[in-house]
Amino acid sequence: MLTDLDTTTLMIAALAIGAAGFFTGLAMDGVMQEDGFGAAGNMAILVAGALIGVHFGSTVRLPIDAMAADAVRGVTGGFVCLTLLALIKNMLGRFGF
């Protein structure tokens, strides 16, 4: 999916994903408070998870091939990644690490 985009569209998509990731990371920092990773950390995790979700979705080759499906895969991947890392952080905190 990402290899099919021209340079201008790819840069606009990167800026949009970065801005959405920052505002979502800032909101999640307010929700998660000390269980989170800070606004910038949450943003990095959400963006990395979104890229992993889109890449995994294109690797699996699901029958749906639309931009909306890639957006859903990206949002799902970002939040799954943030949730898993927050759970790991919480578990390590309970064990004293």
C-alpha atoms as a PDB file:
ATOM      1  CA  MET A   1       0.000   0.000   0.000  1.00  0.00           C
ATOM      2  CA  LEU A   2       2.711   2.484   0.939  1.00  0.00           C
ATOM      3  CA  THR A   3       4.755   1.694  -2.152  1.00  0.00           C
ATOM      4  CA  ASP A   4       1.817   2.647  -4.398  1.00  0.00           C
ATOM      5  CA  LEU A   5       1.762   6.290  -3.196  1.00  0.00           C
ATOM      6  CA  ASP A   6       3.616   9.148  -4.852  1.00  0.00           C
ATOM      7  CA  THR A   7       5.960  11.355  -2.804  1.00  0.00           C
ATOM      8  CA  THR A   8       3.517  14.201  -2.171  1.00  0.00           C
ATOM      9  CA  THR A   9       0.730  11.924  -0.986  1.00  0.00           C
ATOM     10  CA  LEU A  10       3.149   9.975   1.201  1.00  0.00           C
ATOM     11  CA  MET A  11       4.410  13.182   2.864  1.00  0.00           C
ATOM     12  CA  ILE A  12       0.866  14.452   3.446  1.00  0.00           C
ATOM     13  CA  ALA A  13      -0.086  11.075   4.928  1.00  0.00           C
ATOM     14  CA  ALA A  14       2.995  11.126   7.192  1.00  0.00           C
ATOM     15  CA  LEU A  15       2.121  14.619   8.445  1.00  0.00           C
ATOM     16  CA  ALA A  16      -1.504  13.650   9.035  1.00  0.00           C
ATOM     17  CA  ILE A  17      -0.505  10.475  10.887  1.00  0.00           C
ATOM     18  CA  GLY A  18       2.014  12.414  12.977  1.00  0.00           C
ATOM     19  CA  ALA A  19      -0.500  15.134  13.904  1.00  0.00           C
ATOM     20  CA  ALA A  20      -3.235  12.617  14.685  1.00  0.00           C
ATOM     21  CA  GLY A  21      -0.752  10.559  16.688  1.00  0.00           C
ATOM     22  CA  PHE A  22       0.328  13.594  18.711  1.00  0.00           C
ATOM     23  CA  PHE A  23      -3.186  14.685  19.614  1.00  0.00           C
ATOM     24  CA  THR A  24      -4.250  11.111  20.368  1.00  0.00           C
ATOM     25  CA  GLY A  25      -1.080  10.573  22.422  1.00  0.00           C
ATOM     26  CA  LEU A  26      -1.811  13.767  24.339  1.00  0.00           C
ATOM     27  CA  ALA A  27      -5.373  12.603  25.019  1.00  0.00           C
ATOM     28  CA  MET A  28      -4.183   9.149  26.061  1.00  0.00           C
ATOM     29  CA  ASP A  29      -1.628  10.772  28.393  1.00  0.00           C
ATOM     30  CA  GLY A  30      -4.511  12.512  30.147  1.00  0.00           C
ATOM     31  CA  VAL A  31      -6.476   9.285  30.360  1.00  0.00           C
ATOM     32  CA  MET A  32      -3.669   6.933  31.365  1.00  0.00           C
ATOM     33  CA  GLN A  33      -1.727   9.405  33.566  1.00  0.00           C
ATOM     34  CA  GLU A  34       1.106   7.534  35.327  1.00  0.00           C
ATOM     35  CA  ASP A  35       0.319   4.275  33.518  1.00  0.00           C
ATOM     36  CA  GLY A  36       1.141   5.900  30.171  1.00  0.00           C
ATOM     37  CA  PHE A  37       4.420   6.841  28.546  1.00  0.00           C
ATOM     38  CA  GLY A  38       3.993  10.621  28.245  1.00  0.00           C
ATOM     39  CA  ALA A  39       2.563  12.473  25.278  1.00  0.00           C
ATOM     40  CA  ALA A  40       5.574  11.930  23.007  1.00  0.00           C
ATOM     41  CA  GLY A  41       5.985   8.299  24.071  1.00  0.00           C
ATOM     42  CA  ASN A  42       2.325   7.549  23.465  1.00  0.00           C
ATOM     43  CA  MET A  43       2.570   9.251  20.070  1.00  0.00           C
ATOM     44  CA  ALA A  44       5.600   7.181  19.078  1.00  0.00           C
ATOM     45  CA  ILE A  45       3.921   3.962  20.179  1.00  0.00           C
ATOM     46  CA  LEU A  46       0.677   4.811  18.359  1.00  0.00           C
ATOM     47  CA  VAL A  47       2.458   5.724  15.106  1.00  0.00           C
ATOM     48  CA  ALA A  48       4.701   2.645  15.232  1.00  0.00           C
ATOM     49  CA  GLY A  49       1.713   0.436  16.002  1.00  0.00           C
ATOM     50  CA  ALA A  50      -0.225   1.990  13.129  1.00  0.00           C
ATOM     51  CA  LEU A  51       2.604   1.225  10.713  1.00  0.00           C
ATOM     52  CA  ILE A  52       2.844  -2.321  12.042  1.00  0.00           C
ATOM     53  CA  GLY A  53      -0.931  -2.737  11.662  1.00  0.00           C
ATOM     54  CA  VAL A  54      -0.923  -1.490   8.066  1.00  0.00           C
ATOM     55  CA  HIS A  55       2.082  -3.654   7.197  1.00  0.00           C
ATOM     56  CA  PHE A  56       0.534  -6.730   8.833  1.00  0.00           C
ATOM     57  CA  GLY A  57      -2.731  -6.077   7.028  1.00  0.00           C
ATOM     58  CA  SER A  58      -1.000  -5.887   3.657  1.00  0.00           C
ATOM     59  CA  THR A  59       1.046  -9.007   4.405  1.00  0.00           C
ATOM     60  CA  VAL A  60      -1.973 -11.123   5.348  1.00  0.00           C
ATOM     61  CA  ARG A  61      -3.815 -10.105   2.147  1.00  0.00           C
ATOM     62  CA  LEU A  62      -7.321  -9.793   3.479  1.00  0.00           C
ATOM     63  CA  PRO A  63     -10.017  -9.637   0.788  1.00  0.00           C
ATOM     64  CA  ILE A  64     -10.794  -5.974   1.552  1.00  0.00           C
ATOM     65  CA  ASP A  65      -8.405  -3.712  -0.373  1.00  0.00           C
ATOM     66  CA  ALA A  66      -9.477  -0.139   0.291  1.00  0.00           C
ATOM     67  CA  MET A  67      -7.986   2.920   1.931  1.00  0.00           C
ATOM     68  CA  ALA A  68     -10.639   2.782   4.660  1.00  0.00           C
ATOM     69  CA  ALA A  69      -9.610  -0.761   5.550  1.00  0.00           C
ATOM     70  CA  ASP A  70      -5.985   0.366   5.840  1.00  0.00           C
ATOM     71  CA  ALA A  71      -7.076   3.205   8.123  1.00  0.00           C
ATOM     72  CA  VAL A  72      -8.952   0.757  10.341  1.00  0.00           C
ATOM     73  CA  ARG A  73      -5.927  -1.536  10.419  1.00  0.00           C
ATOM     74  CA  GLY A  74      -3.692   1.393  11.374  1.00  0.00           C
ATOM     75  CA  VAL A  75      -5.906   2.658  14.192  1.00  0.00           C
ATOM     76  CA  THR A  76      -6.404  -0.863  15.505  1.00  0.00           C
ATOM     77  CA  GLY A  77      -2.682  -1.617  15.358  1.00  0.00           C
ATOM     78  CA  GLY A  78      -1.810   1.596  17.192  1.00  0.00           C
ATOM     79  CA  PHE A  79      -4.232   1.056  20.040  1.00  0.00           C
ATOM     80  CA  VAL A  80      -3.396  -2.652  20.356  1.00  0.00           C
ATOM     81  CA  CYS A  81       0.305  -1.788  20.584  1.00  0.00           C
ATOM     82  CA  LEU A  82      -0.325   0.931  23.197  1.00  0.00           C
ATOM     83  CA  THR A  83      -2.552  -1.402  25.214  1.00  0.00           C
ATOM     84  CA  LEU A  84      -0.061  -4.264  25.190  1.00  0.00           C
ATOM     85  CA  LEU A  85       2.854  -2.049  26.197  1.00  0.00           C
ATOM     86  CA  ALA A  86       0.797  -0.429  28.983  1.00  0.00           C
ATOM     87  CA  LEU A  87      -0.146  -3.893  30.274  1.00  0.00           C
ATOM     88  CA  ILE A  88       3.495  -4.965  30.229  1.00  0.00           C
ATOM     89  CA  LYS A  89       4.507  -1.769  32.040  1.00  0.00           C
ATOM     90  CA  ASN A  90       1.805  -2.317  34.652  1.00  0.00           C
ATOM     91  CA  MET A  91       2.802  -5.961  35.186  1.00  0.00           C
ATOM     92  CA  LEU A  92       6.466  -5.052  35.568  1.00  0.00           C
ATOM     93  CA  GLY A  93       5.502  -2.311  38.043  1.00  0.00           C
ATOM     94  CA  ARG A  94       3.590  -4.812  40.143  1.00  0.00           C
ATOM     95  CA  PHE A  95       6.584  -7.126  40.287  1.00  0.00           C
ATOM     96  CA  GLY A  96       8.864  -4.283  41.430  1.00  0.00           C
ATOM     97  CA  PHE A  97      10.832  -3.559  38.270  1.00  0.00           C
END
